[in-house]
Amino acid sequence: MMDCNVNLRLLVMEMLLTENAYSHVIVRDVLNKYNYLTQQEKSFIKRLYEGTLERQIELDYVINEFSKVKTQKMKKVIRVIMRMGVYQILYMDAVPDAAACNEAVKLAQKKGFATLKGFVNGVLRTIARNKETIAYTSLSVKYSMPEWIVDMWTAQLGSEKTELVLAGLLRERPVTLRFRDVPEITGVDFDSAVNAVREAIVRQGGKMEGHPYLPCAYRVSGTDDITRLPYYENGAFVIQDVSSMLAVTAVGIEKIAHGAGSSPLRVIDLCAAPGGKSMLAADLLEKCDINYAVISRDISEHKILLMQENFDRCGLHHAKAAVADACMMQDELAGTADIVIADVPCSGLGVIGRKRDIKYNVTPEAVAGIIELQRKILQVAASYVKPGGRLLFSTCTINRDENEKNFMWLKNDMKMTPVSLDDVLPECLHTDTTRDGYLQLLPGIHDTDGFFISVFTSEA
C-alpha cells in the first residue's frame, strides 16, 4: 500500500546520509521508488537534496559564522539537518524561514536529538535574521567549489573565465533529448515525434525548447520520467547532452562515409557507456545508406547490458556492445577502424553541475593517475585507426593536463594529425582552437557541460 504521508525533508535527510552511492543514482532511485508523489513533491525532493549537496562548502561556512560548534564537530545527522535548513533559508523562497527552522527542529527530535533542538533552532533563526549581511571570503565559498579546483582553473583560464564557469555549474541543468531522424527505424517522422513529446511535457506542466547548437537537440524541464513520454519505446529520441552530440558531429562522419567505397565502414567506441556517441554515429551512418558496424566496448558488464538494450530498443542492429578493457590492445583490430571514439575516463570536472558529489571526491593525486590511464587508452585507440581514418579524443572535464596536454601528446608523440573542426561545428563555436583541431566547452560561456573535443587523422 502506498504511503501517502511521506515526510519529504526526512527523506532528503536520509538521502544526504547515504554513503558509497553516486548522487545522481540516489536521486533516480528515490524518485522511481516514490513515483506516486506529485510533480511538485518530487521537485522539492530533488531541489533540496541536490542544492544542499551542491552548496555544501558555502552552507558550512555560513553555519560556522553563526555557530559556536563548528560543522566538523557536529554529529553527522545534526550537520545534515543544519545544512538543509540553511539551504532552505538562503535559496528556497517558497519555504518561509520559520518553516525551515521548525522543520529542522522536528527532524532533530525525530532522530533522537531532542536535547539539541534549542541549538538547531537558535542557530538557524540567527542565520535567517542575518542572511542579507553574509559576506563571502572567496570564490571557493561563494560558489561552493574546493579551493584546489578554483586555483587550478584560475591558473589555466584566468579569474574572469573561472568565475563564469563556477557560476555556470550552479545553474539549472535541463535534460537534453536528441531526436532521431531515422523514420524507417522509429516508425515516426522527426517533426511528429518532436511535437508529440512537447505536447506531453506541456500537459505535465513542463516545457521543451530547441537547443541553439544542433537542430536535433531539445532541452526538457519539469518532467522526471522520460521513459513514459510518447515514442520512447520506438526509440524516437534518446537522452544525450549536446556536448556529447557535438563531439560526434566533430568527426565528420557523413564525409567519411561518402568516401568509404564498397567496404563496410567500421566504428570502434572504446569507452562507450552509456552509449550515446555510438548511437549517434550509427544514426548518421544509417542515413548515409552504407554498410557499417559500430563496435562499442566498456569494461563494465552491467553497462554493456544496458547499452545493448538501448541499441535494440532503438533498432540499431549494426551496433554491438561487448565487454573489453580499453587499455588492452586487440591485435586483430589494429589499423581496421575508419573511426575510433575515445571518450576517455577523466576527472569529470565538466559535469559537476549534474553530478554534484564529484567535486568532493576527486583529488589532485587522483587526476595524476587518470592522466596515465588516459594515455594508455589513447595509445591503443590510435593503433586502431586505419590510414586516412579519424580519431575522436574527448573528455567531460576542464583541465589542461587531461585535455590540451594529451592533445599535444597525440600530435607530437603519436604522430596523429589534427583535423580542423570549423567545417562541422556550428559557426558560433568557431575559435582559433577549432581551426587547430580542438574545442574546450565551458559552462557559463557555452550552453553545454564542460567538455573537450578533438579530432585527428592517421595519415594515409
Protein backbone atom coordinates (compact mmCIF):
# COMPACT_ATOMS: atom_id res chain seq x y z
CA MET A 1 0.00 0.00 0.00
CA MET A 2 1.29 3.47 -0.87
CA ASP A 3 2.50 5.69 1.94
CA CYS A 4 0.75 8.97 1.17
CA ASN A 5 2.25 10.69 4.21
CA VAL A 6 5.89 10.77 3.17
CA ASN A 7 7.95 13.24 5.21
CA LEU A 8 9.81 14.89 2.34
CA ARG A 9 12.51 16.50 4.47
CA LEU A 10 13.14 13.27 6.36
CA LEU A 11 13.51 11.50 3.03
CA VAL A 12 16.02 14.12 1.80
CA MET A 13 17.95 13.84 5.05
CA GLU A 14 18.25 10.06 4.60
CA MET A 15 19.40 10.62 1.02
CA LEU A 16 22.12 13.00 2.22
CA LEU A 17 23.23 10.49 4.86
CA THR A 18 23.57 7.72 2.26
CA GLU A 19 27.19 6.70 1.68
CA ASN A 20 29.00 4.87 -1.12
CA ALA A 21 26.50 5.86 -3.83
CA TYR A 22 26.55 8.43 -6.61
CA SER A 23 24.26 11.41 -6.06
CA HIS A 24 22.52 11.15 -9.46
CA VAL A 25 21.83 7.47 -8.80
CA ILE A 26 20.37 8.27 -5.36
CA VAL A 27 18.00 10.84 -6.92
CA ARG A 28 16.95 8.47 -9.70
CA ASP A 29 16.28 5.58 -7.34
CA VAL A 30 14.31 7.65 -4.82
CA LEU A 31 12.15 9.33 -7.47
CA ASN A 32 11.44 5.94 -9.04
CA LYS A 33 10.50 4.45 -5.65
CA TYR A 34 8.19 7.37 -4.79
CA ASN A 35 6.87 7.86 -8.30
CA TYR A 36 3.32 8.26 -6.93
CA LEU A 37 4.23 11.63 -5.37
CA THR A 38 3.10 14.78 -7.15
CA GLN A 39 5.44 16.56 -9.55
CA GLN A 40 5.71 19.40 -7.00
CA GLU A 41 6.74 16.99 -4.24
CA LYS A 42 9.30 15.26 -6.44
CA SER A 43 10.69 18.64 -7.50
CA PHE A 44 11.00 19.64 -3.83
CA ILE A 45 12.94 16.45 -3.01
CA LYS A 46 15.27 16.90 -5.96
CA ARG A 47 15.84 20.61 -5.33
CA LEU A 48 16.54 20.27 -1.60
CA TYR A 49 18.80 17.23 -1.98
CA GLU A 50 20.83 18.48 -4.92
CA GLY A 51 21.01 22.04 -3.64
CA THR A 52 22.17 21.05 -0.16
CA LEU A 53 24.83 18.79 -1.65
CA GLU A 54 25.90 21.31 -4.29
CA ARG A 55 26.22 24.24 -1.84
CA GLN A 56 27.85 22.24 0.97
CA ILE A 57 31.02 24.34 1.26
CA GLU A 58 29.03 27.58 1.37
CA LEU A 59 26.48 26.17 3.83
CA ASP A 60 29.21 25.02 6.23
CA TYR A 61 30.83 28.45 6.02
CA VAL A 62 27.54 30.18 6.89
CA ILE A 63 26.81 27.79 9.76
CA ASN A 64 30.30 28.25 11.17
CA GLU A 65 29.89 32.04 11.06
CA PHE A 66 26.93 31.85 13.46
CA SER A 67 27.52 28.67 15.48
CA LYS A 68 29.96 28.18 18.35
CA VAL A 69 30.02 24.47 17.49
CA LYS A 70 31.62 24.16 14.06
CA THR A 71 30.20 21.77 11.48
CA GLN A 72 33.15 19.38 11.64
CA LYS A 73 32.45 18.91 15.37
CA MET A 74 28.71 18.26 14.96
CA LYS A 75 27.03 14.87 14.91
CA LYS A 76 26.60 13.82 11.30
CA VAL A 77 22.79 13.88 11.48
CA ILE A 78 22.76 17.37 13.03
CA ARG A 79 25.25 18.64 10.44
CA VAL A 80 22.98 17.42 7.61
CA ILE A 81 19.86 18.89 9.26
CA MET A 82 21.63 22.25 9.66
CA ARG A 83 22.79 22.28 6.04
CA MET A 84 19.27 21.51 4.82
CA GLY A 85 17.85 24.28 6.99
CA VAL A 86 20.33 26.88 5.79
CA TYR A 87 19.82 25.91 2.15
CA GLN A 88 16.07 26.45 2.50
CA ILE A 89 16.65 29.81 4.22
CA LEU A 90 19.09 31.06 1.58
CA TYR A 91 17.77 29.53 -1.65
CA MET A 92 14.17 28.30 -1.38
CA ASP A 93 11.99 31.40 -1.43
CA ALA A 94 8.80 29.33 -1.38
CA VAL A 95 9.75 28.00 2.08
CA PRO A 96 9.23 30.57 4.89
CA ASP A 97 12.26 30.92 7.13
CA ALA A 98 10.16 29.98 10.17
CA ALA A 99 9.07 26.75 8.46
CA ALA A 100 12.69 25.86 7.60
CA CYS A 101 13.65 26.33 11.26
CA ASN A 102 10.64 24.48 12.69
CA GLU A 103 11.02 21.52 10.35
CA ALA A 104 14.72 21.25 11.20
CA VAL A 105 13.84 21.08 14.90
CA LYS A 106 11.28 18.34 14.18
CA LEU A 107 13.91 16.34 12.27
CA ALA A 108 16.36 16.62 15.18
CA GLN A 109 13.67 15.36 17.59
CA LYS A 110 12.66 12.56 15.24
CA LYS A 111 16.27 11.33 15.02
CA GLY A 112 16.70 11.26 18.81
CA PHE A 113 18.40 14.63 19.33
CA ALA A 114 15.66 16.43 21.28
CA THR A 115 18.30 17.90 23.61
CA LEU A 116 19.77 19.79 20.64
CA LYS A 117 16.52 21.31 19.35
CA GLY A 118 17.29 24.63 21.07
CA PHE A 119 20.71 24.74 19.44
CA VAL A 120 19.32 23.91 15.99
CA ASN A 121 16.51 26.44 16.32
CA GLY A 122 18.73 29.20 17.70
CA VAL A 123 21.46 28.98 15.06
CA LEU A 124 19.03 28.73 12.12
CA ARG A 125 16.92 31.66 13.31
CA THR A 126 20.04 33.77 13.77
CA ILE A 127 21.12 32.94 10.22
CA ALA A 128 17.64 33.79 8.93
CA ARG A 129 17.77 37.21 10.62
CA ASN A 130 21.23 37.97 9.23
CA LYS A 131 21.12 36.31 5.81
CA GLU A 132 21.25 39.60 3.88
CA THR A 133 24.53 40.61 5.54
CA ILE A 134 26.55 37.42 4.94
CA ALA A 135 29.85 38.22 3.22
CA TYR A 136 31.75 35.56 1.28
CA THR A 137 35.52 35.49 1.61
CA SER A 138 36.50 33.63 -1.55
CA LEU A 139 35.28 32.15 -4.84
CA SER A 140 35.57 28.75 -3.18
CA VAL A 141 32.96 29.70 -0.58
CA LYS A 142 30.76 31.78 -2.90
CA TYR A 143 30.45 29.00 -5.48
CA SER A 144 30.96 26.03 -3.15
CA MET A 145 33.97 24.68 -5.03
CA PRO A 146 37.07 23.14 -3.42
CA GLU A 147 39.93 25.64 -3.36
CA TRP A 148 42.33 23.46 -5.35
CA ILE A 149 39.90 23.33 -8.29
CA VAL A 150 39.35 27.10 -8.16
CA ASP A 151 43.11 27.66 -8.05
CA MET A 152 43.72 25.27 -10.95
CA TRP A 153 41.08 26.88 -13.16
CA THR A 154 42.27 30.38 -12.27
CA ALA A 155 45.80 29.45 -13.35
CA GLN A 156 44.57 27.81 -16.56
CA LEU A 157 41.63 30.00 -17.58
CA GLY A 158 42.15 33.29 -15.77
CA SER A 159 39.97 34.70 -12.99
CA GLU A 160 37.20 36.10 -15.23
CA LYS A 161 36.54 32.86 -17.12
CA THR A 162 36.85 30.85 -13.91
CA GLU A 163 34.07 32.80 -12.23
CA LEU A 164 31.85 32.40 -15.29
CA VAL A 165 32.44 28.63 -15.19
CA LEU A 166 31.77 28.45 -11.44
CA ALA A 167 28.50 30.35 -11.86
CA GLY A 168 27.58 28.24 -14.89
CA LEU A 169 27.98 25.00 -12.97
CA LEU A 170 25.43 26.19 -10.39
CA ARG A 171 22.73 26.94 -12.95
CA GLU A 172 19.85 24.54 -13.53
CA ARG A 173 20.84 21.74 -15.88
CA PRO A 174 17.86 20.70 -18.06
CA VAL A 175 17.79 17.22 -19.53
CA THR A 176 18.68 17.22 -23.23
CA LEU A 177 17.00 14.91 -25.70
CA ARG A 178 18.34 14.00 -29.14
CA PHE A 179 15.55 13.29 -31.60
CA ARG A 180 16.47 10.71 -34.23
CA ASP A 181 15.71 11.47 -37.86
CA VAL A 182 15.52 7.82 -38.96
CA PRO A 183 11.78 7.20 -39.57
CA GLU A 184 12.47 3.89 -41.30
CA ILE A 185 13.66 2.61 -37.88
CA THR A 186 11.45 4.54 -35.44
CA GLY A 187 8.25 4.42 -37.47
CA VAL A 188 7.62 8.14 -36.91
CA ASP A 189 8.94 11.20 -38.72
CA PHE A 190 11.11 13.70 -36.87
CA ASP A 191 8.61 16.60 -36.62
CA SER A 192 5.74 14.36 -35.46
CA ALA A 193 7.87 12.89 -32.68
CA VAL A 194 9.05 16.33 -31.52
CA ASN A 195 5.51 17.72 -31.46
CA ALA A 196 4.05 14.71 -29.63
CA VAL A 197 6.74 14.77 -26.94
CA ARG A 198 6.46 18.54 -26.50
CA GLU A 199 2.69 18.31 -26.05
CA ALA A 200 3.05 15.52 -23.48
CA ILE A 201 5.61 17.51 -21.49
CA VAL A 202 3.44 20.65 -21.53
CA ARG A 203 0.49 18.63 -20.23
CA GLN A 204 2.71 17.58 -17.30
CA GLY A 205 3.48 21.22 -16.55
CA GLY A 206 6.95 21.12 -18.07
CA LYS A 207 8.47 22.64 -21.19
CA MET A 208 10.65 21.64 -24.13
CA GLU A 209 12.68 24.02 -26.28
CA GLY A 210 15.18 23.61 -29.09
CA HIS A 211 18.88 23.91 -28.33
CA PRO A 212 20.68 26.64 -30.29
CA TYR A 213 23.64 24.47 -31.32
CA LEU A 214 22.05 21.47 -33.06
CA PRO A 215 18.61 21.00 -34.69
CA CYS A 216 18.22 17.51 -33.22
CA ALA A 217 18.74 18.69 -29.62
CA TYR A 218 15.92 19.76 -27.29
CA ARG A 219 16.08 20.84 -23.65
CA VAL A 220 13.44 19.46 -21.31
CA SER A 221 12.45 20.62 -17.82
CA GLY A 222 9.54 19.94 -15.48
CA THR A 223 9.30 16.21 -16.12
CA ASP A 224 11.19 13.43 -14.39
CA ASP A 225 10.15 10.25 -16.21
CA ILE A 226 11.43 10.40 -19.76
CA THR A 227 10.58 6.73 -20.37
CA ARG A 228 6.84 7.48 -20.21
CA LEU A 229 6.91 10.05 -22.99
CA PRO A 230 5.40 9.21 -26.40
CA TYR A 231 7.62 7.28 -28.80
CA TYR A 232 10.23 6.43 -26.16
CA GLU A 233 9.74 2.72 -26.81
CA ASN A 234 10.05 3.37 -30.54
CA GLY A 235 13.48 4.87 -29.93
CA ALA A 236 12.42 8.18 -31.47
CA PHE A 237 14.67 10.04 -29.03
CA VAL A 238 17.46 9.38 -26.54
CA ILE A 239 18.83 11.29 -23.56
CA GLN A 240 22.18 12.83 -24.53
CA ASP A 241 23.88 16.09 -23.59
CA VAL A 242 24.53 18.39 -26.51
CA SER A 243 28.28 18.39 -25.74
CA SER A 244 28.32 14.64 -26.44
CA MET A 245 26.37 15.22 -29.67
CA LEU A 246 28.87 17.90 -30.72
CA ALA A 247 31.77 15.51 -30.15
CA VAL A 248 30.36 13.01 -32.65
CA THR A 249 29.38 15.81 -35.02
CA ALA A 250 33.01 16.99 -34.98
CA VAL A 251 34.22 13.72 -36.53
CA GLY A 252 32.53 14.49 -39.86
CA ILE A 253 31.04 11.02 -40.21
CA GLU A 254 28.99 11.80 -43.33
CA LYS A 255 32.09 12.94 -45.21
CA ILE A 256 33.98 9.79 -44.21
CA ALA A 257 31.02 7.62 -45.22
CA HIS A 258 30.79 9.19 -48.67
CA GLY A 259 34.43 8.31 -49.31
CA ALA A 260 34.28 4.81 -47.86
CA GLY A 261 33.65 2.92 -51.10
CA SER A 262 32.00 -0.51 -51.05
CA SER A 263 33.76 -1.96 -47.98
CA PRO A 264 31.84 -1.80 -44.65
CA LEU A 265 32.73 1.23 -42.54
CA ARG A 266 33.90 0.32 -39.04
CA VAL A 267 33.47 2.47 -35.90
CA ILE A 268 35.13 1.43 -32.63
CA ASP A 269 33.92 3.16 -29.46
CA LEU A 270 36.41 2.22 -26.74
CA CYS A 271 34.79 3.67 -23.59
CA ALA A 272 31.26 3.68 -24.89
CA ALA A 273 28.97 3.70 -21.82
CA PRO A 274 26.28 4.96 -21.64
CA GLY A 275 26.29 4.59 -25.44
CA GLY A 276 25.09 7.97 -26.71
CA LYS A 277 28.04 8.53 -29.04
CA SER A 278 27.81 5.04 -30.50
CA MET A 279 24.11 5.55 -31.18
CA LEU A 280 24.57 8.93 -32.84
CA ALA A 281 27.38 7.54 -35.00
CA ALA A 282 25.10 4.66 -36.03
CA ASP A 283 22.21 7.03 -36.82
CA LEU A 284 24.43 9.18 -39.04
CA LEU A 285 25.64 6.09 -40.87
CA GLU A 286 22.08 4.79 -41.28
CA LYS A 287 21.22 7.99 -43.11
CA CYS A 288 24.23 7.50 -45.40
CA ASP A 289 22.77 4.16 -46.51
CA ILE A 290 26.05 2.21 -46.42
CA ASN A 291 27.28 -1.00 -44.83
CA TYR A 292 28.74 -0.32 -41.40
CA ALA A 293 29.45 -1.79 -37.97
CA VAL A 294 29.69 0.03 -34.65
CA ILE A 295 31.74 -1.89 -32.08
CA SER A 296 31.00 -0.48 -28.61
CA ARG A 297 33.22 -1.51 -25.73
CA ASP A 298 33.24 -0.89 -22.00
CA ILE A 299 34.85 -2.59 -19.01
CA SER A 300 31.56 -2.84 -17.08
CA GLU A 301 29.36 -5.83 -17.92
CA HIS A 302 26.34 -4.10 -16.33
CA LYS A 303 26.80 -1.04 -18.55
CA ILE A 304 27.26 -3.23 -21.62
CA LEU A 305 23.91 -4.93 -20.99
CA LEU A 306 22.18 -1.54 -20.62
CA MET A 307 23.82 -0.25 -23.81
CA GLN A 308 22.77 -3.28 -25.83
CA GLU A 309 19.21 -2.91 -24.53
CA ASN A 310 19.20 0.68 -25.80
CA PHE A 311 20.71 -0.33 -29.14
CA ASP A 312 18.00 -2.96 -29.57
CA ARG A 313 15.18 -0.62 -28.47
CA CYS A 314 16.40 1.93 -30.99
CA GLY A 315 16.65 -0.61 -33.81
CA LEU A 316 20.41 -0.25 -34.26
CA HIS A 317 21.17 -3.77 -35.41
CA HIS A 318 24.65 -2.88 -36.67
CA ALA A 319 25.76 -1.63 -33.24
CA LYS A 320 27.02 -4.28 -30.84
CA ALA A 321 28.19 -3.84 -27.25
CA ALA A 322 30.81 -6.09 -25.67
CA VAL A 323 32.95 -6.12 -22.52
CA ALA A 324 36.57 -5.13 -23.11
CA ASP A 325 39.39 -3.31 -21.33
CA ALA A 326 40.23 -0.23 -23.40
CA CYS A 327 43.84 -0.40 -22.19
CA MET A 328 44.36 -3.86 -23.68
CA MET A 329 45.39 -3.88 -27.34
CA GLN A 330 43.47 -6.31 -29.57
CA ASP A 331 45.83 -7.10 -32.40
CA GLU A 332 43.07 -8.11 -34.82
CA LEU A 333 41.67 -4.57 -34.67
CA ALA A 334 44.96 -2.79 -35.45
CA GLY A 335 44.57 -0.42 -38.39
CA THR A 336 40.99 -1.54 -39.14
CA ALA A 337 38.79 1.33 -37.96
CA ASP A 338 37.57 4.20 -40.11
CA ILE A 339 36.54 5.98 -36.91
CA VAL A 340 37.72 5.45 -33.33
CA ILE A 341 35.88 7.15 -30.48
CA ALA A 342 37.93 7.57 -27.31
CA ASP A 343 35.86 9.43 -24.74
CA VAL A 344 38.35 8.53 -22.05
CA PRO A 345 37.88 8.32 -18.26
CA CYS A 346 38.60 11.69 -16.66
CA SER A 347 38.19 13.76 -13.51
CA GLY A 348 34.65 14.71 -14.58
CA LEU A 349 35.00 18.36 -13.56
CA GLY A 350 32.90 19.48 -16.51
CA VAL A 351 29.77 17.66 -15.33
CA ILE A 352 29.80 18.81 -11.69
CA GLY A 353 26.55 20.63 -12.48
CA ARG A 354 24.88 17.23 -12.94
CA LYS A 355 26.92 15.03 -10.62
CA ARG A 356 27.42 17.25 -7.62
CA ASP A 357 29.46 14.85 -5.50
CA ILE A 358 32.35 14.75 -7.98
CA LYS A 359 33.96 17.91 -6.64
CA TYR A 360 34.15 16.49 -3.12
CA ASN A 361 35.63 13.15 -4.17
CA VAL A 362 38.24 13.98 -6.83
CA THR A 363 41.77 14.92 -5.69
CA PRO A 364 44.88 16.28 -7.43
CA GLU A 365 46.56 12.93 -6.78
CA ALA A 366 43.70 11.04 -8.44
CA VAL A 367 43.91 13.29 -11.50
CA ALA A 368 47.58 12.42 -11.96
CA GLY A 369 46.67 8.73 -12.04
CA ILE A 370 43.84 9.37 -14.50
CA ILE A 371 46.23 11.00 -17.00
CA GLU A 372 48.38 7.88 -17.08
CA LEU A 373 45.28 5.78 -17.78
CA GLN A 374 44.13 8.18 -20.50
CA ARG A 375 47.39 7.83 -22.40
CA LYS A 376 47.27 4.04 -22.25
CA ILE A 377 43.81 4.13 -23.81
CA LEU A 378 44.74 6.78 -26.38
CA GLN A 379 47.77 4.76 -27.48
CA VAL A 380 45.51 1.76 -28.13
CA ALA A 381 42.91 3.99 -29.81
CA ALA A 382 45.47 5.47 -32.20
CA SER A 383 46.67 2.00 -33.20
CA TYR A 384 43.16 1.02 -34.33
CA VAL A 385 42.79 3.93 -36.79
CA LYS A 386 43.32 2.86 -40.39
CA PRO A 387 45.33 5.13 -42.72
CA GLY A 388 43.09 8.09 -43.54
CA GLY A 389 40.74 7.25 -40.67
CA ARG A 390 39.82 9.53 -37.78
CA LEU A 391 40.20 9.51 -34.00
CA LEU A 392 37.85 11.40 -31.69
CA PHE A 393 39.51 12.16 -28.34
CA SER A 394 37.15 13.71 -25.83
CA THR A 395 36.61 14.14 -22.09
CA CYS A 396 33.93 15.63 -19.84
CA THR A 397 36.40 17.69 -17.83
CA ILE A 398 38.04 21.13 -17.64
CA ASN A 399 41.74 20.59 -17.07
CA ARG A 400 44.58 21.30 -19.48
CA ASP A 401 46.65 18.42 -18.14
CA GLU A 402 43.93 15.97 -19.17
CA ASN A 403 42.91 17.79 -22.35
CA GLU A 404 45.30 20.11 -24.18
CA LYS A 405 48.41 18.27 -22.98
CA ASN A 406 47.00 14.96 -24.19
CA PHE A 407 46.09 16.64 -27.47
CA MET A 408 49.71 17.72 -27.94
CA TRP A 409 50.91 14.26 -26.89
CA LEU A 410 48.77 12.64 -29.59
CA LYS A 411 50.07 15.14 -32.12
CA ASN A 412 53.77 15.04 -31.26
CA ASP A 413 54.38 11.60 -29.75
CA MET A 414 51.74 9.51 -31.53
CA LYS A 415 52.21 11.43 -34.81
CA MET A 416 48.47 11.95 -35.30
CA THR A 417 47.37 14.90 -37.45
CA PRO A 418 44.74 17.29 -36.01
CA VAL A 419 41.69 17.98 -38.18
CA SER A 420 40.01 21.42 -38.28
CA LEU A 421 36.56 21.38 -36.69
CA ASP A 422 35.34 24.51 -38.47
CA ASP A 423 33.64 22.62 -41.31
CA VAL A 424 31.46 20.55 -38.98
CA LEU A 425 30.74 22.54 -35.81
CA PRO A 426 28.23 25.43 -35.58
CA GLU A 427 29.82 28.74 -36.55
CA CYS A 428 29.06 30.21 -33.11
CA LEU A 429 31.56 27.74 -31.61
CA HIS A 430 34.43 28.52 -34.00
CA THR A 431 37.65 29.72 -32.36
CA ASP A 432 41.35 29.64 -33.12
CA THR A 433 41.48 26.26 -31.41
CA THR A 434 38.69 24.69 -33.50
CA ARG A 435 40.73 25.55 -36.58
CA ASP A 436 43.64 23.76 -34.93
CA GLY A 437 41.58 20.66 -34.15
CA TYR A 438 40.11 21.02 -30.66
CA LEU A 439 37.47 22.81 -28.59
CA GLN A 440 37.10 23.25 -24.82
CA LEU A 441 33.44 23.80 -23.97
CA LEU A 442 32.88 25.71 -20.73
CA PRO A 443 29.62 26.01 -18.77
CA GLY A 444 28.76 29.65 -18.19
CA ILE A 445 30.40 30.51 -21.51
CA HIS A 446 28.88 27.80 -23.71
CA ASP A 447 25.40 26.35 -23.39
CA THR A 448 26.73 22.88 -22.51
CA ASP A 449 28.50 20.85 -19.89
CA GLY A 450 32.27 21.25 -19.63
CA PHE A 451 33.62 19.09 -22.44
CA PHE A 452 36.80 18.73 -24.51
CA ILE A 453 36.58 17.68 -28.16
CA SER A 454 39.42 16.97 -30.58
CA VAL A 455 39.73 15.09 -33.85
CA PHE A 456 42.79 13.57 -35.51
CA THR A 457 43.53 11.65 -38.67
CA SER A 458 46.11 8.97 -39.35
CA GLU A 459 47.99 9.85 -42.50
CA ALA A 460 47.26 7.58 -45.44
